[in-house]
Amino acid sequence: MNNGLITIKLEGISLKETERCRSIIHELFEMGIFNVRNGKGILNFDHEGALAEVEIQVKRWRRDKPMPELRFLEQFKVSSTPDNSTVAERS
């Protein structure tokens, strides 16, 4: 099995804002939003910009399509590097 790596470099952004973004990305991985197939995820944020609610809508059936197979990511770790980029790795 291969290890996945996602690196995001954010320039001109504070450490607090970087952590806010990292936290949101981490939550999205944990709840499986990136595994949605044949559907969509709707993100709602509060007045401070924190992730407040996630709605996942999946089409369960279409006449011309088989029901989608739901897949889950294996364990992963999201972390910040010294240059304030965020790294997601499979554990």
C-alpha atoms as a PDB file:
ATOM      1  CA  MET A   1       0.000   0.000   0.000  1.00  0.00           C
ATOM      2  CA  ASN A   2       1.259   3.486  -0.856  1.00  0.00           C
ATOM      3  CA  ASN A   3       1.393   6.371   1.572  1.00  0.00           C
ATOM      4  CA  GLY A   4      -0.452   9.512   0.522  1.00  0.00           C
ATOM      5  CA  LEU A   5       0.938  12.973   1.183  1.00  0.00           C
ATOM      6  CA  ILE A   6      -0.834  16.315   0.829  1.00  0.00           C
ATOM      7  CA  THR A   7       1.171  19.517   1.295  1.00  0.00           C
ATOM      8  CA  ILE A   8      -0.471  22.938   1.381  1.00  0.00           C
ATOM      9  CA  LYS A   9       1.693  26.053   1.509  1.00  0.00           C
ATOM     10  CA  LEU A  10      -0.073  29.184   2.750  1.00  0.00           C
ATOM     11  CA  GLU A  11       1.743  32.487   2.343  1.00  0.00           C
ATOM     12  CA  GLY A  12       0.940  35.686   4.234  1.00  0.00           C
ATOM     13  CA  ILE A  13      -1.247  33.903   6.786  1.00  0.00           C
ATOM     14  CA  SER A  14      -0.978  33.920  10.578  1.00  0.00           C
ATOM     15  CA  LEU A  15      -0.230  30.815  12.628  1.00  0.00           C
ATOM     16  CA  LYS A  16      -3.736  31.104  14.161  1.00  0.00           C
ATOM     17  CA  GLU A  17      -5.380  31.131  10.710  1.00  0.00           C
ATOM     18  CA  THR A  18      -3.152  28.252   9.561  1.00  0.00           C
ATOM     19  CA  GLU A  19      -4.266  26.204  12.571  1.00  0.00           C
ATOM     20  CA  ARG A  20      -7.921  27.034  11.840  1.00  0.00           C
ATOM     21  CA  CYS A  21      -7.540  25.731   8.270  1.00  0.00           C
ATOM     22  CA  ARG A  22      -5.609  22.638   9.421  1.00  0.00           C
ATOM     23  CA  SER A  23      -8.307  21.871  11.958  1.00  0.00           C
ATOM     24  CA  ILE A  24     -11.065  22.123   9.340  1.00  0.00           C
ATOM     25  CA  ILE A  25      -9.186  19.866   6.901  1.00  0.00           C
ATOM     26  CA  HIS A  26      -8.546  17.356   9.696  1.00  0.00           C
ATOM     27  CA  GLU A  27     -12.254  17.285  10.624  1.00  0.00           C
ATOM     28  CA  LEU A  28     -13.236  16.769   6.981  1.00  0.00           C
ATOM     29  CA  PHE A  29     -10.905  13.766   6.712  1.00  0.00           C
ATOM     30  CA  GLU A  30     -12.222  12.303   9.983  1.00  0.00           C
ATOM     31  CA  MET A  31     -15.868  12.527   8.927  1.00  0.00           C
ATOM     32  CA  GLY A  32     -15.147  11.015   5.507  1.00  0.00           C
ATOM     33  CA  ILE A  33     -16.197  14.002   3.406  1.00  0.00           C
ATOM     34  CA  PHE A  34     -13.530  13.153   0.808  1.00  0.00           C
ATOM     35  CA  ASN A  35     -15.104   9.701   0.356  1.00  0.00           C
ATOM     36  CA  VAL A  36     -18.494  10.994  -0.767  1.00  0.00           C
ATOM     37  CA  ARG A  37     -19.452   9.479  -4.107  1.00  0.00           C
ATOM     38  CA  ASN A  38     -22.552  10.362  -6.093  1.00  0.00           C
ATOM     39  CA  GLY A  39     -23.336  13.177  -3.685  1.00  0.00           C
ATOM     40  CA  LYS A  40     -22.130  16.397  -2.112  1.00  0.00           C
ATOM     41  CA  GLY A  41     -20.955  17.864   1.156  1.00  0.00           C
ATOM     42  CA  ILE A  42     -22.220  21.227   2.380  1.00  0.00           C
ATOM     43  CA  LEU A  43     -20.011  23.043   4.904  1.00  0.00           C
ATOM     44  CA  ASN A  44     -21.434  25.651   7.266  1.00  0.00           C
ATOM     45  CA  PHE A  45     -19.207  27.952   9.319  1.00  0.00           C
ATOM     46  CA  ASP A  46     -19.992  30.001  12.421  1.00  0.00           C
ATOM     47  CA  HIS A  47     -19.437  33.754  12.887  1.00  0.00           C
ATOM     48  CA  GLU A  48     -15.760  33.156  13.804  1.00  0.00           C
ATOM     49  CA  GLY A  49     -15.049  31.025  10.721  1.00  0.00           C
ATOM     50  CA  ALA A  50     -14.966  27.716  12.586  1.00  0.00           C
ATOM     51  CA  LEU A  51     -16.571  24.675  11.005  1.00  0.00           C
ATOM     52  CA  ALA A  52     -20.022  24.475  12.599  1.00  0.00           C
ATOM     53  CA  GLU A  53     -21.922  21.910  10.564  1.00  0.00           C
ATOM     54  CA  VAL A  54     -21.417  19.484   7.672  1.00  0.00           C
ATOM     55  CA  GLU A  55     -24.283  18.104   5.645  1.00  0.00           C
ATOM     56  CA  ILE A  56     -23.668  15.129   3.363  1.00  0.00           C
ATOM     57  CA  GLN A  57     -26.221  14.419   0.653  1.00  0.00           C
ATOM     58  CA  VAL A  58     -25.885  11.168  -1.274  1.00  0.00           C
ATOM     59  CA  LYS A  59     -28.111  10.009  -4.114  1.00  0.00           C
ATOM     60  CA  ARG A  60     -29.180   6.527  -3.083  1.00  0.00           C
ATOM     61  CA  TRP A  61     -30.684   5.423  -6.357  1.00  0.00           C
ATOM     62  CA  ARG A  62     -30.943   6.398  -9.997  1.00  0.00           C
ATOM     63  CA  ARG A  63     -32.644   4.353 -12.644  1.00  0.00           C
ATOM     64  CA  ASP A  64     -29.579   4.283 -14.905  1.00  0.00           C
ATOM     65  CA  LYS A  65     -26.884   3.929 -12.217  1.00  0.00           C
ATOM     66  CA  PRO A  66     -26.055   1.229  -9.653  1.00  0.00           C
ATOM     67  CA  MET A  67     -25.998   2.250  -5.989  1.00  0.00           C
ATOM     68  CA  PRO A  68     -22.553   3.706  -5.140  1.00  0.00           C
ATOM     69  CA  GLU A  69     -20.133   1.798  -2.978  1.00  0.00           C
ATOM     70  CA  LEU A  70     -19.149   3.805   0.095  1.00  0.00           C
ATOM     71  CA  ARG A  71     -15.415   3.759   0.744  1.00  0.00           C
ATOM     72  CA  PHE A  72     -13.480   4.892   3.802  1.00  0.00           C
ATOM     73  CA  LEU A  73      -9.945   6.213   4.095  1.00  0.00           C
ATOM     74  CA  GLU A  74      -7.571   4.353   6.329  1.00  0.00           C
ATOM     75  CA  GLN A  75      -6.093   6.041   9.366  1.00  0.00           C
ATOM     76  CA  PHE A  76      -4.239   9.256   8.646  1.00  0.00           C
ATOM     77  CA  LYS A  77      -2.445  12.092  10.400  1.00  0.00           C
ATOM     78  CA  VAL A  78      -2.677  15.786   9.527  1.00  0.00           C
ATOM     79  CA  SER A  79       0.112  17.998  10.858  1.00  0.00           C
ATOM     80  CA  SER A  80       1.808  21.359  10.297  1.00  0.00           C
ATOM     81  CA  THR A  81       5.417  21.639   9.177  1.00  0.00           C
ATOM     82  CA  PRO A  82       7.886  24.311  10.362  1.00  0.00           C
ATOM     83  CA  ASP A  83       7.133  26.426   7.271  1.00  0.00           C
ATOM     84  CA  ASN A  84       3.407  26.487   8.293  1.00  0.00           C
ATOM     85  CA  SER A  85       2.245  24.124   5.550  1.00  0.00           C
ATOM     86  CA  THR A  86      -0.114  21.283   6.440  1.00  0.00           C
ATOM     87  CA  VAL A  87       0.729  17.644   5.783  1.00  0.00           C
ATOM     88  CA  ALA A  88      -1.746  14.732   5.700  1.00  0.00           C
ATOM     89  CA  GLU A  89      -0.186  11.255   5.841  1.00  0.00           C
ATOM     90  CA  ARG A  90      -1.567   7.776   6.168  1.00  0.00           C
ATOM     91  CA  SER A  91      -0.609   6.206   9.488  1.00  0.00           C
END
